[in-house]
Amino acid sequence: MVRVIQEDVEPTCFEQAIRNPKWDNAMNEEMAALDANATRELVALPKDKEAIGCKWVYKIKHNADGSMCRYKARLVAKSYAQTYGIDYL
């Protein structure tokens, strides 16, 4: 059995992640992927609406042998705040 000592920890908030260049790079890669895949579109918010929030989720990915593979950051919408027919169809 291979035991790996984890030197890096997954941040719990953006403020922790932005201080580490590895996590900052992972967030930049995620934003580039969103742009490349045309996953999002910035539009003006109607006056009578509130924006749906989002948050970053951080994970350290590992290989099958337990060694660290990469830092992965995901930007996810707080979908629990959305209402069908109003915020999405």
PDB file of N, CA and C in Angstrom:
ATOM      1  N   MET A   1       0.835  -1.177   0.000  1.00  0.00           N
ATOM      2  CA  MET A   1       0.000   0.000   0.000  1.00  0.00           C
ATOM      3  C   MET A   1       0.882   1.243   0.000  1.00  0.00           C
ATOM      4  N   VAL A   2       0.594   2.145  -0.901  1.00  0.00           N
ATOM      5  CA  VAL A   2       1.357   3.382  -1.009  1.00  0.00           C
ATOM      6  C   VAL A   2       0.652   4.454  -0.200  1.00  0.00           C
ATOM      7  N   ARG A   3       1.400   5.083   0.676  1.00  0.00           N
ATOM      8  CA  ARG A   3       0.838   6.187   1.459  1.00  0.00           C
ATOM      9  C   ARG A   3       1.442   7.481   0.963  1.00  0.00           C
ATOM     10  N   VAL A   4       0.578   8.428   0.680  1.00  0.00           N
ATOM     11  CA  VAL A   4       1.033   9.727   0.189  1.00  0.00           C
ATOM     12  C   VAL A   4       0.727  10.776   1.246  1.00  0.00           C
ATOM     13  N   ILE A   5       1.720  11.564   1.566  1.00  0.00           N
ATOM     14  CA  ILE A   5       1.519  12.657   2.507  1.00  0.00           C
ATOM     15  C   ILE A   5       1.104  13.871   1.692  1.00  0.00           C
ATOM     16  N   GLN A   6      -0.048  14.403   2.025  1.00  0.00           N
ATOM     17  CA  GLN A   6      -0.570  15.531   1.277  1.00  0.00           C
ATOM     18  C   GLN A   6       0.018  16.821   1.839  1.00  0.00           C
ATOM     19  N   GLU A   7       0.875  17.452   1.041  1.00  0.00           N
ATOM     20  CA  GLU A   7       1.505  18.689   1.471  1.00  0.00           C
ATOM     21  C   GLU A   7       0.564  19.872   1.299  1.00  0.00           C
ATOM     22  N   ASP A   8      -0.181  19.860   0.215  1.00  0.00           N
ATOM     23  CA  ASP A   8      -1.099  20.946  -0.063  1.00  0.00           C
ATOM     24  C   ASP A   8      -2.496  20.555   0.378  1.00  0.00           C
ATOM     25  N   VAL A   9      -3.254  21.530   0.801  1.00  0.00           N
ATOM     26  CA  VAL A   9      -4.640  21.290   1.193  1.00  0.00           C
ATOM     27  C   VAL A   9      -5.553  22.070   0.253  1.00  0.00           C
ATOM     28  N   GLU A  10      -6.768  21.584   0.127  1.00  0.00           N
ATOM     29  CA  GLU A  10      -7.745  22.257  -0.712  1.00  0.00           C
ATOM     30  C   GLU A  10      -8.282  23.471   0.031  1.00  0.00           C
ATOM     31  N   PRO A  11      -8.261  24.641  -0.603  1.00  0.00           N
ATOM     32  CA  PRO A  11      -8.788  25.835   0.062  1.00  0.00           C
ATOM     33  C   PRO A  11     -10.296  25.730   0.263  1.00  0.00           C
ATOM     34  N   THR A  12     -10.791  26.414   1.262  1.00  0.00           N
ATOM     35  CA  THR A  12     -12.226  26.416   1.534  1.00  0.00           C
ATOM     36  C   THR A  12     -12.907  27.681   1.027  1.00  0.00           C
ATOM     37  N   CYS A  13     -12.117  28.674   0.614  1.00  0.00           N
ATOM     38  CA  CYS A  13     -12.702  29.908   0.101  1.00  0.00           C
ATOM     39  C   CYS A  13     -11.751  30.552  -0.907  1.00  0.00           C
ATOM     40  N   PHE A  14     -12.296  31.487  -1.660  1.00  0.00           N
ATOM     41  CA  PHE A  14     -11.545  32.190  -2.697  1.00  0.00           C
ATOM     42  C   PHE A  14     -10.339  32.922  -2.112  1.00  0.00           C
ATOM     43  N   GLU A  15     -10.511  33.532  -0.950  1.00  0.00           N
ATOM     44  CA  GLU A  15      -9.432  34.308  -0.335  1.00  0.00           C
ATOM     45  C   GLU A  15      -8.211  33.441  -0.041  1.00  0.00           C
ATOM     46  N   GLN A  16      -8.425  32.188   0.345  1.00  0.00           N
ATOM     47  CA  GLN A  16      -7.300  31.278   0.573  1.00  0.00           C
ATOM     48  C   GLN A  16      -6.654  30.878  -0.742  1.00  0.00           C
ATOM     49  N   ALA A  17      -7.485  30.592  -1.743  1.00  0.00           N
ATOM     50  CA  ALA A  17      -6.982  30.085  -3.017  1.00  0.00           C
ATOM     51  C   ALA A  17      -6.180  31.126  -3.781  1.00  0.00           C
ATOM     52  N   ILE A  18      -6.614  32.368  -3.760  1.00  0.00           N
ATOM     53  CA  ILE A  18      -5.970  33.400  -4.570  1.00  0.00           C
ATOM     54  C   ILE A  18      -4.538  33.677  -4.111  1.00  0.00           C
ATOM     55  N   ARG A  19      -4.228  33.317  -2.870  1.00  0.00           N
ATOM     56  CA  ARG A  19      -2.870  33.535  -2.344  1.00  0.00           C
ATOM     57  C   ARG A  19      -1.859  32.499  -2.836  1.00  0.00           C
ATOM     58  N   ASN A  20      -2.355  31.404  -3.394  1.00  0.00           N
ATOM     59  CA  ASN A  20      -1.474  30.330  -3.854  1.00  0.00           C
ATOM     60  C   ASN A  20      -1.435  30.344  -5.383  1.00  0.00           C
ATOM     61  N   PRO A  21      -0.256  30.509  -5.978  1.00  0.00           N
ATOM     62  CA  PRO A  21      -0.162  30.574  -7.443  1.00  0.00           C
ATOM     63  C   PRO A  21      -0.701  29.326  -8.152  1.00  0.00           C
ATOM     64  N   LYS A  22      -0.612  28.163  -7.516  1.00  0.00           N
ATOM     65  CA  LYS A  22      -1.119  26.935  -8.138  1.00  0.00           C
ATOM     66  C   LYS A  22      -2.635  26.982  -8.269  1.00  0.00           C
ATOM     67  N   TRP A  23      -3.317  27.452  -7.227  1.00  0.00           N
ATOM     68  CA  TRP A  23      -4.775  27.555  -7.282  1.00  0.00           C
ATOM     69  C   TRP A  23      -5.201  28.715  -8.168  1.00  0.00           C
ATOM     70  N   ASP A  24      -4.440  29.799  -8.161  1.00  0.00           N
ATOM     71  CA  ASP A  24      -4.732  30.937  -9.039  1.00  0.00           C
ATOM     72  C   ASP A  24      -4.666  30.484 -10.499  1.00  0.00           C
ATOM     73  N   ASN A  25      -3.671  29.679 -10.829  1.00  0.00           N
ATOM     74  CA  ASN A  25      -3.538  29.141 -12.186  1.00  0.00           C
ATOM     75  C   ASN A  25      -4.719  28.222 -12.520  1.00  0.00           C
ATOM     76  N   ALA A  26      -5.144  27.400 -11.568  1.00  0.00           N
ATOM     77  CA  ALA A  26      -6.285  26.503 -11.792  1.00  0.00           C
ATOM     78  C   ALA A  26      -7.556  27.307 -12.064  1.00  0.00           C
ATOM     79  N   MET A  27      -7.753  28.419 -11.345  1.00  0.00           N
ATOM     80  CA  MET A  27      -8.927  29.263 -11.578  1.00  0.00           C
ATOM     81  C   MET A  27      -8.853  29.935 -12.949  1.00  0.00           C
ATOM     82  N   ASN A  28      -7.662  30.368 -13.344  1.00  0.00           N
ATOM     83  CA  ASN A  28      -7.489  30.970 -14.675  1.00  0.00           C
ATOM     84  C   ASN A  28      -7.776  29.946 -15.776  1.00  0.00           C
ATOM     85  N   GLU A  29      -7.357  28.692 -15.576  1.00  0.00           N
ATOM     86  CA  GLU A  29      -7.641  27.637 -16.550  1.00  0.00           C
ATOM     87  C   GLU A  29      -9.141  27.390 -16.675  1.00  0.00           C
ATOM     88  N   GLU A  30      -9.858  27.403 -15.557  1.00  0.00           N
ATOM     89  CA  GLU A  30     -11.306  27.207 -15.570  1.00  0.00           C
ATOM     90  C   GLU A  30     -12.001  28.346 -16.322  1.00  0.00           C
ATOM     91  N   MET A  31     -11.585  29.583 -16.068  1.00  0.00           N
ATOM     92  CA  MET A  31     -12.196  30.725 -16.764  1.00  0.00           C
ATOM     93  C   MET A  31     -11.903  30.656 -18.263  1.00  0.00           C
ATOM     94  N   ALA A  32     -10.694  30.249 -18.637  1.00  0.00           N
ATOM     95  CA  ALA A  32     -10.341  30.105 -20.058  1.00  0.00           C
ATOM     96  C   ALA A  32     -11.184  29.010 -20.707  1.00  0.00           C
ATOM     97  N   ALA A  33     -11.427  27.915 -19.994  1.00  0.00           N
ATOM     98  CA  ALA A  33     -12.252  26.825 -20.524  1.00  0.00           C
ATOM     99  C   ALA A  33     -13.698  27.279 -20.701  1.00  0.00           C
ATOM    100  N   LEU A  34     -14.230  28.052 -19.754  1.00  0.00           N
ATOM    101  CA  LEU A  34     -15.589  28.577 -19.882  1.00  0.00           C
ATOM    102  C   LEU A  34     -15.712  29.474 -21.111  1.00  0.00           C
ATOM    103  N   ASP A  35     -14.699  30.304 -21.339  1.00  0.00           N
ATOM    104  CA  ASP A  35     -14.705  31.180 -22.510  1.00  0.00           C
ATOM    105  C   ASP A  35     -14.556  30.384 -23.802  1.00  0.00           C
ATOM    106  N   ALA A  36     -13.653  29.419 -23.819  1.00  0.00           N
ATOM    107  CA  ALA A  36     -13.398  28.627 -25.028  1.00  0.00           C
ATOM    108  C   ALA A  36     -14.618  27.803 -25.432  1.00  0.00           C
ATOM    109  N   ASN A  37     -15.375  27.334 -24.442  1.00  0.00           N
ATOM    110  CA  ASN A  37     -16.555  26.517 -24.721  1.00  0.00           C
ATOM    111  C   ASN A  37     -17.836  27.335 -24.847  1.00  0.00           C
ATOM    112  N   ALA A  38     -17.712  28.656 -24.760  1.00  0.00           N
ATOM    113  CA  ALA A  38     -18.866  29.567 -24.819  1.00  0.00           C
ATOM    114  C   ALA A  38     -19.944  29.129 -23.824  1.00  0.00           C
ATOM    115  N   THR A  39     -19.510  28.775 -22.617  1.00  0.00           N
ATOM    116  CA  THR A  39     -20.406  28.282 -21.581  1.00  0.00           C
ATOM    117  C   THR A  39     -21.169  29.415 -20.902  1.00  0.00           C
ATOM    118  N   ARG A  40     -20.640  30.601 -20.968  1.00  0.00           N
ATOM    119  CA  ARG A  40     -21.281  31.728 -20.293  1.00  0.00           C
ATOM    120  C   ARG A  40     -21.351  32.916 -21.222  1.00  0.00           C
ATOM    121  N   GLU A  41     -22.226  33.814 -20.876  1.00  0.00           N
ATOM    122  CA  GLU A  41     -22.382  35.046 -21.645  1.00  0.00           C
ATOM    123  C   GLU A  41     -22.697  36.165 -20.656  1.00  0.00           C
ATOM    124  N   LEU A  42     -21.921  37.217 -20.705  1.00  0.00           N
ATOM    125  CA  LEU A  42     -22.162  38.344 -19.813  1.00  0.00           C
ATOM    126  C   LEU A  42     -23.233  39.235 -20.432  1.00  0.00           C
ATOM    127  N   VAL A  43     -24.276  39.490 -19.677  1.00  0.00           N
ATOM    128  CA  VAL A  43     -25.388  40.325 -20.138  1.00  0.00           C
ATOM    129  C   VAL A  43     -25.756  41.309 -19.034  1.00  0.00           C
ATOM    130  N   ALA A  44     -26.470  42.358 -19.428  1.00  0.00           N
ATOM    131  CA  ALA A  44     -26.942  43.335 -18.441  1.00  0.00           C
ATOM    132  C   ALA A  44     -28.065  42.693 -17.620  1.00  0.00           C
ATOM    133  N   LEU A  45     -28.042  42.933 -16.333  1.00  0.00           N
ATOM    134  CA  LEU A  45     -29.055  42.390 -15.438  1.00  0.00           C
ATOM    135  C   LEU A  45     -30.277  43.302 -15.466  1.00  0.00           C
ATOM    136  N   PRO A  46     -31.471  42.748 -15.700  1.00  0.00           N
ATOM    137  CA  PRO A  46     -32.685  43.580 -15.662  1.00  0.00           C
ATOM    138  C   PRO A  46     -32.824  44.252 -14.289  1.00  0.00           C
ATOM    139  N   LYS A  47     -33.425  45.419 -14.292  1.00  0.00           N
ATOM    140  CA  LYS A  47     -33.522  46.213 -13.057  1.00  0.00           C
ATOM    141  C   LYS A  47     -34.269  45.496 -11.936  1.00  0.00           C
ATOM    142  N   ASP A  48     -35.254  44.678 -12.270  1.00  0.00           N
ATOM    143  CA  ASP A  48     -36.067  44.029 -11.240  1.00  0.00           C
ATOM    144  C   ASP A  48     -35.567  42.635 -10.856  1.00  0.00           C
ATOM    145  N   LYS A  49     -34.362  42.259 -11.254  1.00  0.00           N
ATOM    146  CA  LYS A  49     -33.828  40.924 -10.977  1.00  0.00           C
ATOM    147  C   LYS A  49     -32.557  41.003 -10.133  1.00  0.00           C
ATOM    148  N   GLU A  50     -32.293  39.930  -9.409  1.00  0.00           N
ATOM    149  CA  GLU A  50     -31.048  39.812  -8.655  1.00  0.00           C
ATOM    150  C   GLU A  50     -30.191  38.731  -9.301  1.00  0.00           C
ATOM    151  N   ALA A  51     -28.900  38.926  -9.269  1.00  0.00           N
ATOM    152  CA  ALA A  51     -27.978  37.963  -9.869  1.00  0.00           C
ATOM    153  C   ALA A  51     -27.936  36.682  -9.040  1.00  0.00           C
ATOM    154  N   ILE A  52     -27.778  35.553  -9.723  1.00  0.00           N
ATOM    155  CA  ILE A  52     -27.570  34.273  -9.051  1.00  0.00           C
ATOM    156  C   ILE A  52     -26.095  34.199  -8.688  1.00  0.00           C
ATOM    157  N   GLY A  53     -25.816  33.857  -7.472  1.00  0.00           N
ATOM    158  CA  GLY A  53     -24.433  33.798  -7.016  1.00  0.00           C
ATOM    159  C   GLY A  53     -23.699  32.576  -7.550  1.00  0.00           C
ATOM    160  N   CYS A  54     -22.411  32.571  -7.361  1.00  0.00           N
ATOM    161  CA  CYS A  54     -21.590  31.429  -7.734  1.00  0.00           C
ATOM    162  C   CYS A  54     -20.496  31.263  -6.694  1.00  0.00           C
ATOM    163  N   LYS A  55     -19.846  30.111  -6.731  1.00  0.00           N
ATOM    164  CA  LYS A  55     -18.746  29.877  -5.808  1.00  0.00           C
ATOM    165  C   LYS A  55     -17.714  28.991  -6.480  1.00  0.00           C
ATOM    166  N   TRP A  56     -16.508  29.053  -5.963  1.00  0.00           N
ATOM    167  CA  TRP A  56     -15.424  28.213  -6.446  1.00  0.00           C
ATOM    168  C   TRP A  56     -15.363  26.949  -5.607  1.00  0.00           C
ATOM    169  N   VAL A  57     -15.128  25.817  -6.279  1.00  0.00           N
ATOM    170  CA  VAL A  57     -14.920  24.535  -5.613  1.00  0.00           C
ATOM    171  C   VAL A  57     -13.531  24.053  -6.006  1.00  0.00           C
ATOM    172  N   TYR A  58     -12.734  23.680  -5.029  1.00  0.00           N
ATOM    173  CA  TYR A  58     -11.331  23.309  -5.250  1.00  0.00           C
ATOM    174  C   TYR A  58     -11.103  21.843  -4.906  1.00  0.00           C
ATOM    175  N   LYS A  59     -10.390  21.139  -5.780  1.00  0.00           N
ATOM    176  CA  LYS A  59     -10.041  19.736  -5.541  1.00  0.00           C
ATOM    177  C   LYS A  59      -8.628  19.476  -6.039  1.00  0.00           C
ATOM    178  N   ILE A  60      -7.911  18.677  -5.287  1.00  0.00           N
ATOM    179  CA  ILE A  60      -6.617  18.185  -5.747  1.00  0.00           C
ATOM    180  C   ILE A  60      -6.879  16.816  -6.350  1.00  0.00           C
ATOM    181  N   LYS A  61      -6.558  16.657  -7.624  1.00  0.00           N
ATOM    182  CA  LYS A  61      -6.778  15.396  -8.324  1.00  0.00           C
ATOM    183  C   LYS A  61      -5.546  14.523  -8.157  1.00  0.00           C
ATOM    184  N   HIS A  62      -5.790  13.208  -7.983  1.00  0.00           N
ATOM    185  CA  HIS A  62      -4.702  12.260  -7.761  1.00  0.00           C
ATOM    186  C   HIS A  62      -4.699  11.177  -8.828  1.00  0.00           C
ATOM    187  N   ASN A  63      -3.521  10.645  -9.091  1.00  0.00           N
ATOM    188  CA  ASN A  63      -3.368   9.496  -9.976  1.00  0.00           C
ATOM    189  C   ASN A  63      -3.781   8.231  -9.233  1.00  0.00           C
ATOM    190  N   ALA A  64      -3.854   7.126  -9.945  1.00  0.00           N
ATOM    191  CA  ALA A  64      -4.249   5.852  -9.347  1.00  0.00           C
ATOM    192  C   ALA A  64      -3.296   5.418  -8.230  1.00  0.00           C
ATOM    193  N   ASP A  65      -2.030   5.802  -8.336  1.00  0.00           N
ATOM    194  CA  ASP A  65      -1.060   5.418  -7.310  1.00  0.00           C
ATOM    195  C   ASP A  65      -1.067   6.344  -6.093  1.00  0.00           C
ATOM    196  N   GLY A  66      -1.935   7.350  -6.116  1.00  0.00           N
ATOM    197  CA  GLY A  66      -2.048   8.263  -4.989  1.00  0.00           C
ATOM    198  C   GLY A  66      -1.235   9.531  -5.119  1.00  0.00           C
ATOM    199  N   SER A  67      -0.401   9.610  -6.143  1.00  0.00           N
ATOM    200  CA  SER A  67       0.391  10.816  -6.340  1.00  0.00           C
ATOM    201  C   SER A  67      -0.498  11.943  -6.867  1.00  0.00           C
ATOM    202  N   MET A  68      -0.096  13.168  -6.561  1.00  0.00           N
ATOM    203  CA  MET A  68      -0.882  14.307  -6.987  1.00  0.00           C
ATOM    204  C   MET A  68      -0.789  14.503  -8.493  1.00  0.00           C
ATOM    205  N   CYS A  69      -1.919  14.710  -9.133  1.00  0.00           N
ATOM    206  CA  CYS A  69      -1.976  14.873 -10.580  1.00  0.00           C
ATOM    207  C   CYS A  69      -2.073  16.352 -10.961  1.00  0.00           C
ATOM    208  N   ARG A  70      -3.059  17.053 -10.380  1.00  0.00           N
ATOM    209  CA  ARG A  70      -3.261  18.464 -10.721  1.00  0.00           C
ATOM    210  C   ARG A  70      -4.183  19.143  -9.732  1.00  0.00           C
ATOM    211  N   TYR A  71      -4.190  20.465  -9.813  1.00  0.00           N
ATOM    212  CA  TYR A  71      -5.106  21.288  -9.037  1.00  0.00           C
ATOM    213  C   TYR A  71      -6.294  21.613  -9.931  1.00  0.00           C
ATOM    214  N   LYS A  72      -7.506  21.397  -9.439  1.00  0.00           N
ATOM    215  CA  LYS A  72      -8.716  21.603 -10.239  1.00  0.00           C
ATOM    216  C   LYS A  72      -9.619  22.594  -9.518  1.00  0.00           C
ATOM    217  N   ALA A  73     -10.002  23.656 -10.211  1.00  0.00           N
ATOM    218  CA  ALA A  73     -10.932  24.642  -9.673  1.00  0.00           C
ATOM    219  C   ALA A  73     -12.157  24.670 -10.582  1.00  0.00           C
ATOM    220  N   ARG A  74     -13.330  24.681  -9.987  1.00  0.00           N
ATOM    221  CA  ARG A  74     -14.597  24.734 -10.734  1.00  0.00           C
ATOM    222  C   ARG A  74     -15.401  25.926 -10.248  1.00  0.00           C
ATOM    223  N   LEU A  75     -15.960  26.676 -11.179  1.00  0.00           N
ATOM    224  CA  LEU A  75     -16.865  27.767 -10.848  1.00  0.00           C
ATOM    225  C   LEU A  75     -18.280  27.242 -11.028  1.00  0.00           C
ATOM    226  N   VAL A  76     -19.044  27.203  -9.952  1.00  0.00           N
ATOM    227  CA  VAL A  76     -20.388  26.627 -10.002  1.00  0.00           C
ATOM    228  C   VAL A  76     -21.423  27.662  -9.563  1.00  0.00           C
ATOM    229  N   ALA A  77     -22.589  27.597 -10.208  1.00  0.00           N
ATOM    230  CA  ALA A  77     -23.700  28.477  -9.838  1.00  0.00           C
ATOM    231  C   ALA A  77     -24.379  27.939  -8.598  1.00  0.00           C
ATOM    232  N   LYS A  78     -24.895  28.826  -7.796  1.00  0.00           N
ATOM    233  CA  LYS A  78     -25.674  28.429  -6.625  1.00  0.00           C
ATOM    234  C   LYS A  78     -27.087  28.153  -7.111  1.00  0.00           C
ATOM    235  N   SER A  79     -27.254  26.983  -7.706  1.00  0.00           N
ATOM    236  CA  SER A  79     -28.504  26.657  -8.393  1.00  0.00           C
ATOM    237  C   SER A  79     -29.700  26.561  -7.451  1.00  0.00           C
ATOM    238  N   TYR A  80     -29.470  26.366  -6.167  1.00  0.00           N
ATOM    239  CA  TYR A  80     -30.580  26.302  -5.225  1.00  0.00           C
ATOM    240  C   TYR A  80     -31.327  27.643  -5.149  1.00  0.00           C
ATOM    241  N   ALA A  81     -30.708  28.711  -5.637  1.00  0.00           N
ATOM    242  CA  ALA A  81     -31.343  30.021  -5.603  1.00  0.00           C
ATOM    243  C   ALA A  81     -32.123  30.327  -6.881  1.00  0.00           C
ATOM    244  N   GLN A  82     -32.116  29.406  -7.848  1.00  0.00           N
ATOM    245  CA  GLN A  82     -32.785  29.631  -9.112  1.00  0.00           C
ATOM    246  C   GLN A  82     -34.228  29.138  -9.067  1.00  0.00           C
ATOM    247  N   THR A  83     -35.071  29.781  -9.875  1.00  0.00           N
ATOM    248  CA  THR A  83     -36.472  29.405  -9.994  1.00  0.00           C
ATOM    249  C   THR A  83     -36.760  29.088 -11.456  1.00  0.00           C
ATOM    250  N   TYR A  84     -37.321  27.898 -11.694  1.00  0.00           N
ATOM    251  CA  TYR A  84     -37.656  27.472 -13.057  1.00  0.00           C
ATOM    252  C   TYR A  84     -38.671  28.454 -13.660  1.00  0.00           C
ATOM    253  N   GLY A  85     -38.430  28.825 -14.909  1.00  0.00           N
ATOM    254  CA  GLY A  85     -39.319  29.747 -15.615  1.00  0.00           C
ATOM    255  C   GLY A  85     -38.976  31.196 -15.393  1.00  0.00           C
ATOM    256  N   ILE A  86     -38.186  31.466 -14.366  1.00  0.00           N
ATOM    257  CA  ILE A  86     -37.752  32.853 -14.102  1.00  0.00           C
ATOM    258  C   ILE A  86     -36.267  33.005 -14.406  1.00  0.00           C
ATOM    259  N   ASP A  87     -35.460  32.140 -13.812  1.00  0.00           N
ATOM    260  CA  ASP A  87     -34.021  32.205 -13.984  1.00  0.00           C
ATOM    261  C   ASP A  87     -33.507  31.317 -15.109  1.00  0.00           C
ATOM    262  N   TYR A  88     -34.264  30.284 -15.461  1.00  0.00           N
ATOM    263  CA  TYR A  88     -33.880  29.380 -16.535  1.00  0.00           C
ATOM    264  C   TYR A  88     -35.115  28.678 -17.061  1.00  0.00           C
ATOM    265  N   LEU A  89     -34.978  28.089 -18.265  1.00  0.00           N
ATOM    266  CA  LEU A  89     -36.096  27.340 -18.889  1.00  0.00           C
ATOM    267  C   LEU A  89     -35.685  25.921 -19.142  1.00  0.00           C
TER     268      LEU A  89
END
